[in-house]
Amino acid sequence: MITINRCALAILVCSMPFYAYDVQNGKDLFDSSGCMECHTNEHFKSKNRKAKNYKQLFQNVEACRQSTGADWFDEDRDDVVHYLNKEFYKYDIQK
């Protein structure tokens, strides 16, 4: 009986998503992907910036990923979004 409970617990734990955002990976991807060729720090700090909330920031990063053909997984895109949010925007996280 104990073995069955342990197996059930192991299956439950292994099936849960454990993905945590990797802000350092987001910074590395941002820096290595040439993002600053189109953007400057002022672009992210300006009051006239395009992203007015977290959802728009997410959409903008996804649009850049699509238009540049960045070879990022969805998790990489999420890491970049979280890096930019932590570094510049500081929006409440919501999708």
PDB file of N, CA and C in Angstrom:
ATOM      1  N   MET A   1       0.812  -1.197   0.000  1.00  0.00           N
ATOM      2  CA  MET A   1       0.000   0.000   0.000  1.00  0.00           C
ATOM      3  C   MET A   1       0.861   1.269   0.000  1.00  0.00           C
ATOM      4  N   ILE A   2       1.929   1.254   0.795  1.00  0.00           N
ATOM      5  CA  ILE A   2       2.815   2.413   0.844  1.00  0.00           C
ATOM      6  C   ILE A   2       3.480   2.626  -0.513  1.00  0.00           C
ATOM      7  N   THR A   3       3.858   1.537  -1.186  1.00  0.00           N
ATOM      8  CA  THR A   3       4.487   1.643  -2.501  1.00  0.00           C
ATOM      9  C   THR A   3       3.538   2.284  -3.505  1.00  0.00           C
ATOM     10  N   ILE A   4       2.262   1.912  -3.469  1.00  0.00           N
ATOM     11  CA  ILE A   4       1.267   2.490  -4.380  1.00  0.00           C
ATOM     12  C   ILE A   4       1.113   3.981  -4.107  1.00  0.00           C
ATOM     13  N   ASN A   5       1.064   4.369  -2.848  1.00  0.00           N
ATOM     14  CA  ASN A   5       0.944   5.788  -2.500  1.00  0.00           C
ATOM     15  C   ASN A   5       2.163   6.580  -2.964  1.00  0.00           C
ATOM     16  N   ARG A   6       3.335   5.993  -2.799  1.00  0.00           N
ATOM     17  CA  ARG A   6       4.559   6.666  -3.250  1.00  0.00           C
ATOM     18  C   ARG A   6       4.564   6.819  -4.770  1.00  0.00           C
ATOM     19  N   CYS A   7       4.127   5.770  -5.474  1.00  0.00           N
ATOM     20  CA  CYS A   7       4.064   5.840  -6.941  1.00  0.00           C
ATOM     21  C   CYS A   7       3.059   6.893  -7.390  1.00  0.00           C
ATOM     22  N   ALA A   8       1.903   6.934  -6.724  1.00  0.00           N
ATOM     23  CA  ALA A   8       0.884   7.926  -7.070  1.00  0.00           C
ATOM     24  C   ALA A   8       1.416   9.336  -6.836  1.00  0.00           C
ATOM     25  N   LEU A   9       2.098   9.533  -5.729  1.00  0.00           N
ATOM     26  CA  LEU A   9       2.682  10.836  -5.430  1.00  0.00           C
ATOM     27  C   LEU A   9       3.741  11.214  -6.454  1.00  0.00           C
ATOM     28  N   ALA A  10       4.581  10.264  -6.826  1.00  0.00           N
ATOM     29  CA  ALA A  10       5.630  10.531  -7.822  1.00  0.00           C
ATOM     30  C   ALA A  10       5.023  10.902  -9.169  1.00  0.00           C
ATOM     31  N   ILE A  11       3.966  10.201  -9.569  1.00  0.00           N
ATOM     32  CA  ILE A  11       3.293  10.526 -10.837  1.00  0.00           C
ATOM     33  C   ILE A  11       2.681  11.912 -10.769  1.00  0.00           C
ATOM     34  N   LEU A  12       2.040  12.237  -9.676  1.00  0.00           N
ATOM     35  CA  LEU A  12       1.419  13.554  -9.516  1.00  0.00           C
ATOM     36  C   LEU A  12       2.467  14.663  -9.574  1.00  0.00           C
ATOM     37  N   VAL A  13       3.547  14.493  -8.857  1.00  0.00           N
ATOM     38  CA  VAL A  13       4.606  15.506  -8.820  1.00  0.00           C
ATOM     39  C   VAL A  13       5.246  15.668 -10.201  1.00  0.00           C
ATOM     40  N   CYS A  14       5.498  14.583 -10.885  1.00  0.00           N
ATOM     41  CA  CYS A  14       6.147  14.646 -12.199  1.00  0.00           C
ATOM     42  C   CYS A  14       5.242  15.239 -13.267  1.00  0.00           C
ATOM     43  N   SER A  15       3.945  15.185 -13.071  1.00  0.00           N
ATOM     44  CA  SER A  15       3.027  15.706 -14.080  1.00  0.00           C
ATOM     45  C   SER A  15       2.728  17.187 -13.893  1.00  0.00           C
ATOM     46  N   MET A  16       3.181  17.777 -12.804  1.00  0.00           N
ATOM     47  CA  MET A  16       2.920  19.198 -12.547  1.00  0.00           C
ATOM     48  C   MET A  16       3.933  20.058 -13.293  1.00  0.00           C
ATOM     49  N   PRO A  17       3.476  21.185 -13.839  1.00  0.00           N
ATOM     50  CA  PRO A  17       4.434  22.072 -14.499  1.00  0.00           C
ATOM     51  C   PRO A  17       5.289  22.800 -13.472  1.00  0.00           C
ATOM     52  N   PHE A  18       6.584  22.706 -13.626  1.00  0.00           N
ATOM     53  CA  PHE A  18       7.497  23.335 -12.687  1.00  0.00           C
ATOM     54  C   PHE A  18       8.300  24.452 -13.338  1.00  0.00           C
ATOM     55  N   TYR A  19       7.856  24.948 -14.462  1.00  0.00           N
ATOM     56  CA  TYR A  19       8.640  25.944 -15.167  1.00  0.00           C
ATOM     57  C   TYR A  19       8.632  27.257 -14.405  1.00  0.00           C
ATOM     58  N   ALA A  20       9.795  27.691 -14.021  1.00  0.00           N
ATOM     59  CA  ALA A  20       9.956  28.997 -13.391  1.00  0.00           C
ATOM     60  C   ALA A  20      10.675  29.889 -14.389  1.00  0.00           C
ATOM     61  N   TYR A  21      10.312  31.128 -14.417  1.00  0.00           N
ATOM     62  CA  TYR A  21      10.934  32.055 -15.362  1.00  0.00           C
ATOM     63  C   TYR A  21      12.398  32.262 -15.020  1.00  0.00           C
ATOM     64  N   ASP A  22      13.227  32.279 -16.045  1.00  0.00           N
ATOM     65  CA  ASP A  22      14.664  32.440 -15.890  1.00  0.00           C
ATOM     66  C   ASP A  22      15.031  33.811 -16.447  1.00  0.00           C
ATOM     67  N   VAL A  23      15.065  34.782 -15.557  1.00  0.00           N
ATOM     68  CA  VAL A  23      15.325  36.168 -15.960  1.00  0.00           C
ATOM     69  C   VAL A  23      16.712  36.302 -16.575  1.00  0.00           C
ATOM     70  N   GLN A  24      17.696  35.576 -16.058  1.00  0.00           N
ATOM     71  CA  GLN A  24      19.047  35.649 -16.635  1.00  0.00           C
ATOM     72  C   GLN A  24      19.051  35.113 -18.061  1.00  0.00           C
ATOM     73  N   ASN A  25      18.325  34.037 -18.320  1.00  0.00           N
ATOM     74  CA  ASN A  25      18.194  33.522 -19.681  1.00  0.00           C
ATOM     75  C   ASN A  25      17.528  34.565 -20.572  1.00  0.00           C
ATOM     76  N   GLY A  26      16.513  35.241 -20.040  1.00  0.00           N
ATOM     77  CA  GLY A  26      15.842  36.294 -20.796  1.00  0.00           C
ATOM     78  C   GLY A  26      16.796  37.419 -21.161  1.00  0.00           C
ATOM     79  N   LYS A  27      17.629  37.823 -20.226  1.00  0.00           N
ATOM     80  CA  LYS A  27      18.619  38.874 -20.495  1.00  0.00           C
ATOM     81  C   LYS A  27      19.625  38.403 -21.546  1.00  0.00           C
ATOM     82  N   ASP A  28      20.101  37.181 -21.385  1.00  0.00           N
ATOM     83  CA  ASP A  28      21.072  36.636 -22.339  1.00  0.00           C
ATOM     84  C   ASP A  28      20.485  36.570 -23.749  1.00  0.00           C
ATOM     85  N   LEU A  29      19.240  36.103 -23.863  1.00  0.00           N
ATOM     86  CA  LEU A  29      18.588  36.035 -25.168  1.00  0.00           C
ATOM     87  C   LEU A  29      18.386  37.422 -25.755  1.00  0.00           C
ATOM     88  N   PHE A  30      17.945  38.346 -24.925  1.00  0.00           N
ATOM     89  CA  PHE A  30      17.732  39.728 -25.361  1.00  0.00           C
ATOM     90  C   PHE A  30      19.035  40.326 -25.870  1.00  0.00           C
ATOM     91  N   ASP A  31      20.109  40.139 -25.111  1.00  0.00           N
ATOM     92  CA  ASP A  31      21.408  40.711 -25.483  1.00  0.00           C
ATOM     93  C   ASP A  31      21.984  40.061 -26.739  1.00  0.00           C
ATOM     94  N   SER A  32      21.805  38.755 -26.883  1.00  0.00           N
ATOM     95  CA  SER A  32      22.430  38.048 -27.999  1.00  0.00           C
ATOM     96  C   SER A  32      21.598  38.065 -29.280  1.00  0.00           C
ATOM     97  N   SER A  33      20.355  38.491 -29.189  1.00  0.00           N
ATOM     98  CA  SER A  33      19.467  38.437 -30.361  1.00  0.00           C
ATOM     99  C   SER A  33      19.422  39.733 -31.144  1.00  0.00           C
ATOM    100  N   GLY A  34      20.203  40.708 -30.763  1.00  0.00           N
ATOM    101  CA  GLY A  34      20.245  41.962 -31.503  1.00  0.00           C
ATOM    102  C   GLY A  34      19.034  42.848 -31.266  1.00  0.00           C
ATOM    103  N   CYS A  35      18.365  42.677 -30.153  1.00  0.00           N
ATOM    104  CA  CYS A  35      17.173  43.487 -29.857  1.00  0.00           C
ATOM    105  C   CYS A  35      17.501  44.981 -29.807  1.00  0.00           C
ATOM    106  N   MET A  36      18.707  45.297 -29.363  1.00  0.00           N
ATOM    107  CA  MET A  36      19.091  46.706 -29.233  1.00  0.00           C
ATOM    108  C   MET A  36      19.426  47.341 -30.582  1.00  0.00           C
ATOM    109  N   GLU A  37      19.400  46.559 -31.652  1.00  0.00           N
ATOM    110  CA  GLU A  37      19.563  47.142 -32.977  1.00  0.00           C
ATOM    111  C   GLU A  37      18.337  47.974 -33.349  1.00  0.00           C
ATOM    112  N   CYS A  38      17.184  47.570 -32.834  1.00  0.00           N
ATOM    113  CA  CYS A  38      15.938  48.303 -33.109  1.00  0.00           C
ATOM    114  C   CYS A  38      15.492  49.139 -31.917  1.00  0.00           C
ATOM    115  N   HIS A  39      15.887  48.747 -30.717  1.00  0.00           N
ATOM    116  CA  HIS A  39      15.420  49.407 -29.495  1.00  0.00           C
ATOM    117  C   HIS A  39      16.596  50.000 -28.734  1.00  0.00           C
ATOM    118  N   THR A  40      16.303  51.012 -27.937  1.00  0.00           N
ATOM    119  CA  THR A  40      17.288  51.583 -27.023  1.00  0.00           C
ATOM    120  C   THR A  40      16.718  51.514 -25.615  1.00  0.00           C
ATOM    121  N   ASN A  41      17.535  51.768 -24.627  1.00  0.00           N
ATOM    122  CA  ASN A  41      17.019  51.798 -23.258  1.00  0.00           C
ATOM    123  C   ASN A  41      15.911  52.831 -23.115  1.00  0.00           C
ATOM    124  N   GLU A  42      16.034  53.938 -23.809  1.00  0.00           N
ATOM    125  CA  GLU A  42      15.000  54.980 -23.744  1.00  0.00           C
ATOM    126  C   GLU A  42      13.669  54.470 -24.281  1.00  0.00           C
ATOM    127  N   HIS A  43      13.735  53.576 -25.253  1.00  0.00           N
ATOM    128  CA  HIS A  43      12.506  52.978 -25.793  1.00  0.00           C
ATOM    129  C   HIS A  43      11.711  52.312 -24.677  1.00  0.00           C
ATOM    130  N   PHE A  44      12.401  51.677 -23.751  1.00  0.00           N
ATOM    131  CA  PHE A  44      11.734  50.952 -22.669  1.00  0.00           C
ATOM    132  C   PHE A  44      11.381  51.852 -21.489  1.00  0.00           C
ATOM    133  N   LYS A  45      12.087  52.958 -21.338  1.00  0.00           N
ATOM    134  CA  LYS A  45      11.856  53.839 -20.195  1.00  0.00           C
ATOM    135  C   LYS A  45      10.914  55.001 -20.500  1.00  0.00           C
ATOM    136  N   SER A  46      10.681  55.279 -21.758  1.00  0.00           N
ATOM    137  CA  SER A  46       9.865  56.418 -22.163  1.00  0.00           C
ATOM    138  C   SER A  46       8.420  56.284 -21.685  1.00  0.00           C
ATOM    139  N   LYS A  47       7.801  57.391 -21.350  1.00  0.00           N
ATOM    140  CA  LYS A  47       6.384  57.377 -20.980  1.00  0.00           C
ATOM    141  C   LYS A  47       5.510  57.106 -22.202  1.00  0.00           C
ATOM    142  N   ASN A  48       6.057  57.289 -23.388  1.00  0.00           N
ATOM    143  CA  ASN A  48       5.322  57.048 -24.621  1.00  0.00           C
ATOM    144  C   ASN A  48       5.527  55.639 -25.162  1.00  0.00           C
ATOM    145  N   ARG A  49       6.075  54.747 -24.356  1.00  0.00           N
ATOM    146  CA  ARG A  49       6.345  53.390 -24.826  1.00  0.00           C
ATOM    147  C   ARG A  49       5.044  52.696 -25.228  1.00  0.00           C
ATOM    148  N   LYS A  50       5.189  51.730 -26.126  1.00  0.00           N
ATOM    149  CA  LYS A  50       4.029  51.044 -26.683  1.00  0.00           C
ATOM    150  C   LYS A  50       3.340  50.137 -25.670  1.00  0.00           C
ATOM    151  N   ALA A  51       4.103  49.454 -24.850  1.00  0.00           N
ATOM    152  CA  ALA A  51       3.510  48.523 -23.886  1.00  0.00           C
ATOM    153  C   ALA A  51       3.039  49.287 -22.661  1.00  0.00           C
ATOM    154  N   LYS A  52       1.742  49.308 -22.465  1.00  0.00           N
ATOM    155  CA  LYS A  52       1.161  50.028 -21.320  1.00  0.00           C
ATOM    156  C   LYS A  52       0.820  49.094 -20.163  1.00  0.00           C
ATOM    157  N   ASN A  53       0.948  47.781 -20.389  1.00  0.00           N
ATOM    158  CA  ASN A  53       0.667  46.805 -19.344  1.00  0.00           C
ATOM    159  C   ASN A  53       1.396  45.501 -19.690  1.00  0.00           C
ATOM    160  N   TYR A  54       1.325  44.529 -18.796  1.00  0.00           N
ATOM    161  CA  TYR A  54       2.050  43.271 -18.994  1.00  0.00           C
ATOM    162  C   TYR A  54       1.581  42.551 -20.250  1.00  0.00           C
ATOM    163  N   LYS A  55       0.287  42.532 -20.494  1.00  0.00           N
ATOM    164  CA  LYS A  55      -0.251  41.834 -21.660  1.00  0.00           C
ATOM    165  C   LYS A  55       0.305  42.426 -22.953  1.00  0.00           C
ATOM    166  N   GLN A  56       0.364  43.748 -23.029  1.00  0.00           N
ATOM    167  CA  GLN A  56       0.918  44.393 -24.223  1.00  0.00           C
ATOM    168  C   GLN A  56       2.410  44.119 -24.354  1.00  0.00           C
ATOM    169  N   LEU A  57       3.126  44.084 -23.245  1.00  0.00           N
ATOM    170  CA  LEU A  57       4.553  43.748 -23.286  1.00  0.00           C
ATOM    171  C   LEU A  57       4.735  42.354 -23.858  1.00  0.00           C
ATOM    172  N   PHE A  58       3.954  41.415 -23.384  1.00  0.00           N
ATOM    173  CA  PHE A  58       3.999  40.046 -23.884  1.00  0.00           C
ATOM    174  C   PHE A  58       3.721  40.020 -25.390  1.00  0.00           C
ATOM    175  N   GLN A  59       2.682  40.732 -25.820  1.00  0.00           N
ATOM    176  CA  GLN A  59       2.317  40.765 -27.238  1.00  0.00           C
ATOM    177  C   GLN A  59       3.412  41.408 -28.081  1.00  0.00           C
ATOM    178  N   ASN A  60       4.042  42.449 -27.569  1.00  0.00           N
ATOM    179  CA  ASN A  60       5.109  43.121 -28.310  1.00  0.00           C
ATOM    180  C   ASN A  60       6.334  42.222 -28.476  1.00  0.00           C
ATOM    181  N   VAL A  61       6.698  41.512 -27.416  1.00  0.00           N
ATOM    182  CA  VAL A  61       7.841  40.602 -27.512  1.00  0.00           C
ATOM    183  C   VAL A  61       7.520  39.480 -28.497  1.00  0.00           C
ATOM    184  N   GLU A  62       6.311  38.980 -28.452  1.00  0.00           N
ATOM    185  CA  GLU A  62       5.920  37.930 -29.397  1.00  0.00           C
ATOM    186  C   GLU A  62       5.951  38.466 -30.833  1.00  0.00           C
ATOM    187  N   ALA A  63       5.494  39.697 -31.048  1.00  0.00           N
ATOM    188  CA  ALA A  63       5.535  40.292 -32.388  1.00  0.00           C
ATOM    189  C   ALA A  63       6.981  40.442 -32.863  1.00  0.00           C
ATOM    190  N   CYS A  64       7.873  40.864 -31.987  1.00  0.00           N
ATOM    191  CA  CYS A  64       9.294  40.972 -32.347  1.00  0.00           C
ATOM    192  C   CYS A  64       9.873  39.600 -32.667  1.00  0.00           C
ATOM    193  N   ARG A  65       9.514  38.623 -31.873  1.00  0.00           N
ATOM    194  CA  ARG A  65      10.002  37.256 -32.118  1.00  0.00           C
ATOM    195  C   ARG A  65       9.569  36.776 -33.495  1.00  0.00           C
ATOM    196  N   GLN A  66       8.327  37.042 -33.850  1.00  0.00           N
ATOM    197  CA  GLN A  66       7.807  36.622 -35.148  1.00  0.00           C
ATOM    198  C   GLN A  66       8.466  37.387 -36.293  1.00  0.00           C
ATOM    199  N   SER A  67       8.587  38.704 -36.131  1.00  0.00           N
ATOM    200  CA  SER A  67       9.109  39.513 -37.239  1.00  0.00           C
ATOM    201  C   SER A  67      10.598  39.335 -37.471  1.00  0.00           C
ATOM    202  N   THR A  68      11.340  38.991 -36.422  1.00  0.00           N
ATOM    203  CA  THR A  68      12.786  38.806 -36.586  1.00  0.00           C
ATOM    204  C   THR A  68      13.157  37.350 -36.841  1.00  0.00           C
ATOM    205  N   GLY A  69      12.204  36.455 -36.645  1.00  0.00           N
ATOM    206  CA  GLY A  69      12.502  35.034 -36.814  1.00  0.00           C
ATOM    207  C   GLY A  69      13.392  34.488 -35.713  1.00  0.00           C
ATOM    208  N   ALA A  70      13.343  35.120 -34.548  1.00  0.00           N
ATOM    209  CA  ALA A  70      14.155  34.641 -33.417  1.00  0.00           C
ATOM    210  C   ALA A  70      13.807  33.188 -33.131  1.00  0.00           C
ATOM    211  N   ASP A  71      14.818  32.381 -33.002  1.00  0.00           N
ATOM    212  CA  ASP A  71      14.645  30.953 -32.805  1.00  0.00           C
ATOM    213  C   ASP A  71      14.488  30.655 -31.319  1.00  0.00           C
ATOM    214  N   TRP A  72      13.408  31.175 -30.740  1.00  0.00           N
ATOM    215  CA  TRP A  72      13.142  31.007 -29.319  1.00  0.00           C
ATOM    216  C   TRP A  72      11.971  30.053 -29.124  1.00  0.00           C
ATOM    217  N   PHE A  73      12.068  29.226 -28.107  1.00  0.00           N
ATOM    218  CA  PHE A  73      10.918  28.456 -27.650  1.00  0.00           C
ATOM    219  C   PHE A  73       9.977  29.416 -26.925  1.00  0.00           C
ATOM    220  N   ASP A  74       8.745  29.000 -26.689  1.00  0.00           N
ATOM    221  CA  ASP A  74       7.806  29.841 -25.942  1.00  0.00           C
ATOM    222  C   ASP A  74       8.363  30.190 -24.565  1.00  0.00           C
ATOM    223  N   GLU A  75       9.055  29.239 -23.950  1.00  0.00           N
ATOM    224  CA  GLU A  75       9.640  29.485 -22.633  1.00  0.00           C
ATOM    225  C   GLU A  75      10.719  30.569 -22.706  1.00  0.00           C
ATOM    226  N   ASP A  76      11.462  30.605 -23.817  1.00  0.00           N
ATOM    227  CA  ASP A  76      12.474  31.642 -24.005  1.00  0.00           C
ATOM    228  C   ASP A  76      11.810  33.008 -24.127  1.00  0.00           C
ATOM    229  N   ARG A  77      10.740  33.060 -24.912  1.00  0.00           N
ATOM    230  CA  ARG A  77       9.998  34.324 -25.052  1.00  0.00           C
ATOM    231  C   ARG A  77       9.518  34.792 -23.691  1.00  0.00           C
ATOM    232  N   ASP A  78       8.986  33.871 -22.906  1.00  0.00           N
ATOM    233  CA  ASP A  78       8.501  34.225 -21.573  1.00  0.00           C
ATOM    234  C   ASP A  78       9.629  34.745 -20.695  1.00  0.00           C
ATOM    235  N   ASP A  79      10.804  34.137 -20.808  1.00  0.00           N
ATOM    236  CA  ASP A  79      11.962  34.612 -20.045  1.00  0.00           C
ATOM    237  C   ASP A  79      12.332  36.036 -20.448  1.00  0.00           C
ATOM    238  N   VAL A  80      12.293  36.339 -21.746  1.00  0.00           N
ATOM    239  CA  VAL A  80      12.599  37.697 -22.224  1.00  0.00           C
ATOM    240  C   VAL A  80      11.561  38.679 -21.699  1.00  0.00           C
ATOM    241  N   VAL A  81      10.296  38.300 -21.758  1.00  0.00           N
ATOM    242  CA  VAL A  81       9.225  39.168 -21.240  1.00  0.00           C
ATOM    243  C   VAL A  81       9.461  39.461 -19.766  1.00  0.00           C
ATOM    244  N   HIS A  82       9.793  38.441 -19.001  1.00  0.00           N
ATOM    245  CA  HIS A  82      10.005  38.646 -17.567  1.00  0.00           C
ATOM    246  C   HIS A  82      11.262  39.454 -17.289  1.00  0.00           C
ATOM    247  N   TYR A  83      12.285  39.272 -18.099  1.00  0.00           N
ATOM    248  CA  TYR A  83      13.483  40.103 -17.948  1.00  0.00           C
ATOM    249  C   TYR A  83      13.140  41.573 -18.190  1.00  0.00           C
ATOM    250  N   LEU A  84      12.458  41.863 -19.301  1.00  0.00           N
ATOM    251  CA  LEU A  84      12.103  43.245 -19.610  1.00  0.00           C
ATOM    252  C   LEU A  84      11.180  43.830 -18.554  1.00  0.00           C
ATOM    253  N   ASN A  85      10.255  43.030 -18.079  1.00  0.00           N
ATOM    254  CA  ASN A  85       9.338  43.515 -17.054  1.00  0.00           C
ATOM    255  C   ASN A  85      10.085  43.827 -15.755  1.00  0.00           C
ATOM    256  N   LYS A  86      10.988  42.953 -15.384  1.00  0.00           N
ATOM    257  CA  LYS A  86      11.756  43.170 -14.145  1.00  0.00           C
ATOM    258  C   LYS A  86      12.696  44.371 -14.280  1.00  0.00           C
ATOM    259  N   GLU A  87      13.337  44.491 -15.441  1.00  0.00           N
ATOM    260  CA  GLU A  87      14.355  45.525 -15.635  1.00  0.00           C
ATOM    261  C   GLU A  87      13.754  46.907 -15.896  1.00  0.00           C
ATOM    262  N   PHE A  88      12.679  46.968 -16.665  1.00  0.00           N
ATOM    263  CA  PHE A  88      12.172  48.260 -17.125  1.00  0.00           C
ATOM    264  C   PHE A  88      10.727  48.572 -16.728  1.00  0.00           C
ATOM    265  N   TYR A  89       9.822  47.641 -16.888  1.00  0.00           N
ATOM    266  CA  TYR A  89       8.399  47.966 -16.811  1.00  0.00           C
ATOM    267  C   TYR A  89       7.788  47.831 -15.424  1.00  0.00           C
ATOM    268  N   LYS A  90       8.031  46.709 -14.777  1.00  0.00           N
ATOM    269  CA  LYS A  90       7.532  46.444 -13.421  1.00  0.00           C
ATOM    270  C   LYS A  90       6.000  46.414 -13.356  1.00  0.00           C
ATOM    271  N   TYR A  91       5.385  45.803 -14.367  1.00  0.00           N
ATOM    272  CA  TYR A  91       3.934  45.633 -14.385  1.00  0.00           C
ATOM    273  C   TYR A  91       3.550  44.427 -13.547  1.00  0.00           C
ATOM    274  N   ASP A  92       2.292  44.426 -13.080  1.00  0.00           N
ATOM    275  CA  ASP A  92       1.743  43.228 -12.458  1.00  0.00           C
ATOM    276  C   ASP A  92       1.679  42.156 -13.537  1.00  0.00           C
ATOM    277  N   ILE A  93       2.068  40.944 -13.203  1.00  0.00           N
ATOM    278  CA  ILE A  93       2.121  39.856 -14.178  1.00  0.00           C
ATOM    279  C   ILE A  93       0.729  39.269 -14.365  1.00  0.00           C
ATOM    280  N   GLN A  94       0.269  39.353 -15.607  1.00  0.00           N
ATOM    281  CA  GLN A  94      -1.003  38.745 -15.996  1.00  0.00           C
ATOM    282  C   GLN A  94      -1.006  38.602 -17.491  1.00  0.00           C
ATOM    283  N   LYS A  95      -1.673  37.597 -17.984  1.00  0.00           N
ATOM    284  CA  LYS A  95      -1.756  37.393 -19.433  1.00  0.00           C
ATOM    285  C   LYS A  95      -3.155  37.622 -19.919  1.00  0.00           C
TER     286      LYS A  95
END
